[in-house]
PDB file of N, CA and C in Angstrom:
ATOM      1  N   UNK A   1      75.963 111.018 -41.895  1.00  0.00           N
ATOM      2  CA  UNK A   1      75.170 109.772 -41.908  1.00  0.00           C
ATOM      3  C   UNK A   1      74.969 109.257 -41.055  1.00  0.00           C
ATOM      4  N   UNK A   2      74.179 108.541 -40.426  1.00  0.00           N
ATOM      5  CA  UNK A   2      73.452 107.716 -39.084  1.00  0.00           C
ATOM      6  C   UNK A   2      74.440 106.286 -39.769  1.00  0.00           C
ATOM      7  N   UNK A   3      74.785 105.611 -39.093  1.00  0.00           N
ATOM      8  CA  UNK A   3      75.407 104.092 -39.014  1.00  0.00           C
ATOM      9  C   UNK A   3      74.732 103.382 -37.916  1.00  0.00           C
ATOM     10  N   UNK A   4      73.879 103.498 -37.167  1.00  0.00           N
ATOM     11  CA  UNK A   4      73.294 102.713 -36.631  1.00  0.00           C
ATOM     12  C   UNK A   4      71.837 102.064 -37.184  1.00  0.00           C
ATOM     13  N   UNK A   5      71.777 100.620 -36.697  1.00  0.00           N
ATOM     14  CA  UNK A   5      70.747 100.013 -37.094  1.00  0.00           C
ATOM     15  C   UNK A   5      69.730  99.440 -36.211  1.00  0.00           C
ATOM     16  N   UNK A   6      68.420  99.480 -36.574  1.00  0.00           N
ATOM     17  CA  UNK A   6      68.345 100.545 -37.882  1.00  0.00           C
ATOM     18  C   UNK A   6      68.266 101.708 -37.491  1.00  0.00           C
ATOM     19  N   UNK A   7      68.771 102.577 -39.192  1.00  0.00           N
ATOM     20  CA  UNK A   7      68.953 104.068 -39.026  1.00  0.00           C
ATOM     21  C   UNK A   7      68.462 105.136 -38.083  1.00  0.00           C
ATOM     22  N   UNK A   8      68.971 106.107 -37.505  1.00  0.00           N
ATOM     23  CA  UNK A   8      67.779 106.487 -36.825  1.00  0.00           C
ATOM     24  C   UNK A   8      66.792 107.837 -37.544  1.00  0.00           C
ATOM     25  N   UNK A   9      66.117 108.048 -37.354  1.00  0.00           N
ATOM     26  CA  UNK A   9      64.963 108.854 -37.865  1.00  0.00           C
ATOM     27  C   UNK A   9      66.091 110.049 -38.501  1.00  0.00           C
ATOM     28  N   UNK A  10      65.517 110.859 -39.636  1.00  0.00           N
ATOM     29  CA  UNK A  10      66.266 112.392 -40.040  1.00  0.00           C
ATOM     30  C   UNK A  10      65.734 113.287 -39.386  1.00  0.00           C
ATOM     31  N   UNK A  11      66.586 114.251 -39.529  1.00  0.00           N
ATOM     32  CA  UNK A  11      65.773 115.367 -38.753  1.00  0.00           C
ATOM     33  C   UNK A  11      64.906 116.152 -39.178  1.00  0.00           C
ATOM     34  N   UNK A  12      64.541 115.559 -40.505  1.00  0.00           N
ATOM     35  CA  UNK A  12      63.108 116.069 -41.492  1.00  0.00           C
ATOM     36  C   UNK A  12      61.611 115.439 -40.795  1.00  0.00           C
ATOM     37  N   UNK A  13      62.151 113.994 -40.144  1.00  0.00           N
ATOM     38  CA  UNK A  13      61.003 112.962 -39.968  1.00  0.00           C
ATOM     39  C   UNK A  13      60.294 113.658 -38.596  1.00  0.00           C
ATOM     40  N   UNK A  14      59.371 113.517 -38.412  1.00  0.00           N
ATOM     41  CA  UNK A  14      58.066 114.007 -37.585  1.00  0.00           C
ATOM     42  C   UNK A  14      58.714 112.887 -36.313  1.00  0.00           C
ATOM     43  N   UNK A  15      59.179 111.619 -36.379  1.00  0.00           N
ATOM     44  CA  UNK A  15      59.531 110.911 -35.267  1.00  0.00           C
ATOM     45  C   UNK A  15      61.538 111.517 -35.047  1.00  0.00           C
ATOM     46  N   UNK A  16      61.935 112.708 -35.006  1.00  0.00           N
ATOM     47  CA  UNK A  16      63.165 112.749 -35.412  1.00  0.00           C
ATOM     48  C   UNK A  16      63.482 112.798 -33.699  1.00  0.00           C
ATOM     49  N   UNK A  17      62.790 113.032 -32.619  1.00  0.00           N
ATOM     50  CA  UNK A  17      63.281 112.955 -31.333  1.00  0.00           C
ATOM     51  C   UNK A  17      63.866 111.558 -31.342  1.00  0.00           C
ATOM     52  N   UNK A  18      63.447 110.424 -31.678  1.00  0.00           N
ATOM     53  CA  UNK A  18      63.637 108.852 -31.766  1.00  0.00           C
ATOM     54  C   UNK A  18      65.291 108.663 -32.103  1.00  0.00           C
ATOM     55  N   UNK A  19      66.221 109.881 -32.549  1.00  0.00           N
ATOM     56  CA  UNK A  19      67.360 109.458 -32.408  1.00  0.00           C
ATOM     57  C   UNK A  19      68.058 108.884 -31.666  1.00  0.00           C
ATOM     58  N   UNK A  20      69.296 108.643 -31.784  1.00  0.00           N
ATOM     59  CA  UNK A  20      70.136 108.724 -30.491  1.00  0.00           C
ATOM     60  C   UNK A  20      70.917 109.478 -30.223  1.00  0.00           C
ATOM     61  N   UNK A  21      71.114 109.703 -28.775  1.00  0.00           N
ATOM     62  CA  UNK A  21      72.224 110.773 -28.336  1.00  0.00           C
ATOM     63  C   UNK A  21      73.400 110.291 -28.585  1.00  0.00           C
ATOM     64  N   UNK A  22      74.114 111.289 -29.161  1.00  0.00           N
ATOM     65  CA  UNK A  22      75.121 111.028 -29.402  1.00  0.00           C
ATOM     66  C   UNK A  22      76.581 111.951 -28.658  1.00  0.00           C
ATOM     67  N   UNK A  23      75.951 112.900 -28.220  1.00  0.00           N
ATOM     68  CA  UNK A  23      76.461 113.935 -27.480  1.00  0.00           C
ATOM     69  C   UNK A  23      75.352 114.405 -26.235  1.00  0.00           C
ATOM     70  N   UNK A  24      75.997 114.780 -24.792  1.00  0.00           N
ATOM     71  CA  UNK A  24      75.413 115.705 -24.258  1.00  0.00           C
ATOM     72  C   UNK A  24      75.735 116.407 -23.065  1.00  0.00           C
ATOM     73  N   UNK A  25      75.109 117.114 -22.625  1.00  0.00           N
ATOM     74  CA  UNK A  25      75.826 118.267 -21.692  1.00  0.00           C
ATOM     75  C   UNK A  25      74.777 118.316 -20.592  1.00  0.00           C
ATOM     76  N   UNK A  26      74.033 117.407 -20.009  1.00  0.00           N
ATOM     77  CA  UNK A  26      73.127 117.777 -18.821  1.00  0.00           C
ATOM     78  C   UNK A  26      73.154 118.918 -18.055  1.00  0.00           C
ATOM     79  N   UNK A  27      74.092 119.099 -17.571  1.00  0.00           N
ATOM     80  CA  UNK A  27      74.187 119.799 -16.437  1.00  0.00           C
ATOM     81  C   UNK A  27      73.866 121.573 -17.254  1.00  0.00           C
ATOM     82  N   UNK A  28      74.440 121.660 -18.625  1.00  0.00           N
ATOM     83  CA  UNK A  28      73.925 122.589 -19.386  1.00  0.00           C
ATOM     84  C   UNK A  28      72.432 122.815 -19.991  1.00  0.00           C
ATOM     85  N   UNK A  29      71.928 121.485 -20.031  1.00  0.00           N
ATOM     86  CA  UNK A  29      70.557 121.280 -20.428  1.00  0.00           C
ATOM     87  C   UNK A  29      70.287 120.853 -21.755  1.00  0.00           C
ATOM     88  N   UNK A  30      71.228 120.313 -22.867  1.00  0.00           N
ATOM     89  CA  UNK A  30      71.611 119.914 -24.176  1.00  0.00           C
ATOM     90  C   UNK A  30      71.604 118.667 -24.549  1.00  0.00           C
ATOM     91  N   UNK A  31      71.298 117.972 -25.256  1.00  0.00           N
ATOM     92  CA  UNK A  31      71.634 116.726 -25.956  1.00  0.00           C
ATOM     93  C   UNK A  31      71.703 116.463 -27.754  1.00  0.00           C
ATOM     94  N   UNK A  32      72.899 116.329 -27.914  1.00  0.00           N
ATOM     95  CA  UNK A  32      72.932 116.475 -29.321  1.00  0.00           C
ATOM     96  C   UNK A  32      72.070 114.873 -30.217  1.00  0.00           C
ATOM     97  N   UNK A  33      71.747 114.794 -31.123  1.00  0.00           N
ATOM     98  CA  UNK A  33      71.289 113.590 -31.433  1.00  0.00           C
ATOM     99  C   UNK A  33      72.211 112.773 -32.601  1.00  0.00           C
ATOM    100  N   UNK A  34      71.512 111.548 -33.217  1.00  0.00           N
ATOM    101  CA  UNK A  34      72.641 111.357 -34.099  1.00  0.00           C
ATOM    102  C   UNK A  34      72.187 111.954 -35.649  1.00  0.00           C
ATOM    103  N   UNK A  35      71.081 112.134 -35.482  1.00  0.00           N
ATOM    104  CA  UNK A  35      70.536 113.198 -36.891  1.00  0.00           C
ATOM    105  C   UNK A  35      70.981 114.728 -37.026  1.00  0.00           C
ATOM    106  N   UNK A  36      71.599 115.414 -35.568  1.00  0.00           N
ATOM    107  CA  UNK A  36      72.162 116.473 -36.037  1.00  0.00           C
ATOM    108  C   UNK A  36      70.959 117.583 -35.193  1.00  0.00           C
ATOM    109  N   UNK A  37      70.136 117.076 -34.620  1.00  0.00           N
ATOM    110  CA  UNK A  37      68.956 117.909 -33.763  1.00  0.00           C
ATOM    111  C   UNK A  37      69.758 117.971 -32.366  1.00  0.00           C
ATOM    112  N   UNK A  38      69.507 119.187 -31.961  1.00  0.00           N
ATOM    113  CA  UNK A  38      70.160 119.956 -30.427  1.00  0.00           C
ATOM    114  C   UNK A  38      68.539 119.916 -30.037  1.00  0.00           C
ATOM    115  N   UNK A  39      68.334 118.924 -28.855  1.00  0.00           N
ATOM    116  CA  UNK A  39      67.370 119.083 -27.888  1.00  0.00           C
ATOM    117  C   UNK A  39      67.964 119.791 -26.488  1.00  0.00           C
ATOM    118  N   UNK A  40      66.753 120.823 -25.880  1.00  0.00           N
ATOM    119  CA  UNK A  40      67.083 121.390 -24.930  1.00  0.00           C
ATOM    120  C   UNK A  40      65.902 120.817 -23.732  1.00  0.00           C
ATOM    121  N   UNK A  41      66.540 120.838 -22.180  1.00  0.00           N
ATOM    122  CA  UNK A  41      65.859 120.552 -21.174  1.00  0.00           C
ATOM    123  C   UNK A  41      64.063 120.885 -21.247  1.00  0.00           C
ATOM    124  N   UNK A  42      64.148 121.954 -21.932  1.00  0.00           N
ATOM    125  CA  UNK A  42      62.907 122.890 -21.381  1.00  0.00           C
ATOM    126  C   UNK A  42      61.603 122.215 -22.640  1.00  0.00           C
ATOM    127  N   UNK A  43      62.543 121.375 -23.603  1.00  0.00           N
ATOM    128  CA  UNK A  43      61.720 120.505 -24.742  1.00  0.00           C
ATOM    129  C   UNK A  43      61.570 121.462 -26.118  1.00  0.00           C
ATOM    130  N   UNK A  44      62.631 122.364 -26.230  1.00  0.00           N
ATOM    131  CA  UNK A  44      62.681 123.195 -27.736  1.00  0.00           C
ATOM    132  C   UNK A  44      64.411 122.575 -27.940  1.00  0.00           C
ATOM    133  N   UNK A  45      63.874 122.843 -29.548  1.00  0.00           N
ATOM    134  CA  UNK A  45      64.914 122.056 -30.375  1.00  0.00           C
ATOM    135  C   UNK A  45      65.355 123.034 -31.449  1.00  0.00           C
ATOM    136  N   UNK A  46      66.939 122.592 -31.799  1.00  0.00           N
ATOM    137  CA  UNK A  46      67.132 123.269 -33.087  1.00  0.00           C
ATOM    138  C   UNK A  46      67.776 122.495 -33.734  1.00  0.00           C
ATOM    139  N   UNK A  47      67.332 122.383 -35.052  1.00  0.00           N
ATOM    140  CA  UNK A  47      67.468 121.474 -36.049  1.00  0.00           C
ATOM    141  C   UNK A  47      68.748 121.643 -36.689  1.00  0.00           C
ATOM    142  N   UNK A  48      69.097 120.843 -37.554  1.00  0.00           N
ATOM    143  CA  UNK A  48      70.942 121.236 -38.208  1.00  0.00           C
ATOM    144  C   UNK A  48      70.686 122.629 -39.447  1.00  0.00           C
ATOM    145  N   UNK A  49      69.361 122.599 -39.759  1.00  0.00           N
ATOM    146  CA  UNK A  49      69.357 123.685 -40.867  1.00  0.00           C
ATOM    147  C   UNK A  49      69.073 124.866 -40.364  1.00  0.00           C
ATOM    148  N   UNK A  50      68.956 124.819 -38.775  1.00  0.00           N
ATOM    149  CA  UNK A  50      69.247 126.456 -38.260  1.00  0.00           C
ATOM    150  C   UNK A  50      67.519 126.691 -37.888  1.00  0.00           C
ATOM    151  N   UNK A  51      66.537 126.145 -38.227  1.00  0.00           N
ATOM    152  CA  UNK A  51      65.437 126.255 -37.551  1.00  0.00           C
ATOM    153  C   UNK A  51      65.366 126.135 -35.861  1.00  0.00           C
ATOM    154  N   UNK A  52      64.016 126.878 -35.506  1.00  0.00           N
ATOM    155  CA  UNK A  52      64.031 126.417 -34.107  1.00  0.00           C
ATOM    156  C   UNK A  52      62.753 126.121 -33.609  1.00  0.00           C
ATOM    157  N   UNK A  53      62.533 124.534 -33.078  1.00  0.00           N
ATOM    158  CA  UNK A  53      61.397 124.089 -32.570  1.00  0.00           C
ATOM    159  C   UNK A  53      61.053 124.611 -31.142  1.00  0.00           C
ATOM    160  N   UNK A  54      59.813 125.347 -31.130  1.00  0.00           N
ATOM    161  CA  UNK A  54      59.792 126.149 -29.631  1.00  0.00           C
ATOM    162  C   UNK A  54      59.112 124.972 -28.630  1.00  0.00           C
ATOM    163  N   UNK A  55      59.710 125.113 -27.312  1.00  0.00           N
ATOM    164  CA  UNK A  55      59.155 124.012 -26.538  1.00  0.00           C
ATOM    165  C   UNK A  55      57.733 123.770 -26.589  1.00  0.00           C
ATOM    166  N   UNK A  56      57.578 122.291 -26.270  1.00  0.00           N
ATOM    167  CA  UNK A  56      56.330 121.612 -26.589  1.00  0.00           C
ATOM    168  C   UNK A  56      55.935 120.444 -25.217  1.00  0.00           C
ATOM    169  N   UNK A  57      56.011 121.212 -24.187  1.00  0.00           N
ATOM    170  CA  UNK A  57      55.517 120.418 -23.265  1.00  0.00           C
ATOM    171  C   UNK A  57      54.464 120.179 -23.051  1.00  0.00           C
ATOM    172  N   UNK A  58      54.344 118.709 -22.349  1.00  0.00           N
ATOM    173  CA  UNK A  58      52.704 118.316 -22.604  1.00  0.00           C
ATOM    174  C   UNK A  58      51.780 119.157 -21.613  1.00  0.00           C
ATOM    175  N   UNK A  59      50.581 119.799 -21.812  1.00  0.00           N
ATOM    176  CA  UNK A  59      49.855 120.496 -21.065  1.00  0.00           C
ATOM    177  C   UNK A  59      49.469 119.903 -19.787  1.00  0.00           C
ATOM    178  N   UNK A  60      49.666 118.378 -19.894  1.00  0.00           N
ATOM    179  CA  UNK A  60      49.533 117.590 -18.488  1.00  0.00           C
ATOM    180  C   UNK A  60      50.703 118.028 -17.235  1.00  0.00           C
ATOM    181  N   UNK A  61      51.816 118.043 -17.840  1.00  0.00           N
ATOM    182  CA  UNK A  61      53.135 117.970 -17.212  1.00  0.00           C
ATOM    183  C   UNK A  61      52.821 119.495 -16.607  1.00  0.00           C
ATOM    184  N   UNK A  62      52.756 120.639 -17.401  1.00  0.00           N
ATOM    185  CA  UNK A  62      52.494 121.568 -16.607  1.00  0.00           C
ATOM    186  C   UNK A  62      51.620 121.719 -15.580  1.00  0.00           C
ATOM    187  N   UNK A  63      50.428 121.661 -15.847  1.00  0.00           N
ATOM    188  CA  UNK A  63      49.427 121.795 -14.950  1.00  0.00           C
ATOM    189  C   UNK A  63      49.788 120.967 -13.488  1.00  0.00           C
ATOM    190  N   UNK A  64      50.413 119.663 -13.830  1.00  0.00           N
ATOM    191  CA  UNK A  64      50.875 118.649 -12.680  1.00  0.00           C
ATOM    192  C   UNK A  64      51.783 119.221 -11.903  1.00  0.00           C
ATOM    193  N   UNK A  65      52.767 120.273 -12.476  1.00  0.00           N
ATOM    194  CA  UNK A  65      53.957 120.718 -11.677  1.00  0.00           C
ATOM    195  C   UNK A  65      53.409 122.210 -11.078  1.00  0.00           C
ATOM    196  N   UNK A  66      52.016 122.649 -11.305  1.00  0.00           N
ATOM    197  CA  UNK A  66      51.698 123.854 -10.535  1.00  0.00           C
ATOM    198  C   UNK A  66      50.856 123.731  -9.170  1.00  0.00           C
TER     199      UNK A  66
END
């Protein structure tokens, strides 16, 4: 359970990516949030219940990289 004040959004919340980072390994491309969500540098996610969220980069960021 989150002990931050104000509490971090739960993994089920639409704003779950706003939770605080509690562990990170940027050289491997991942960050673990207080709510148990794993974020990956490609913008994909692994939720605590095992569901996968596909990468969701903004279209303008992809177009700008070309």
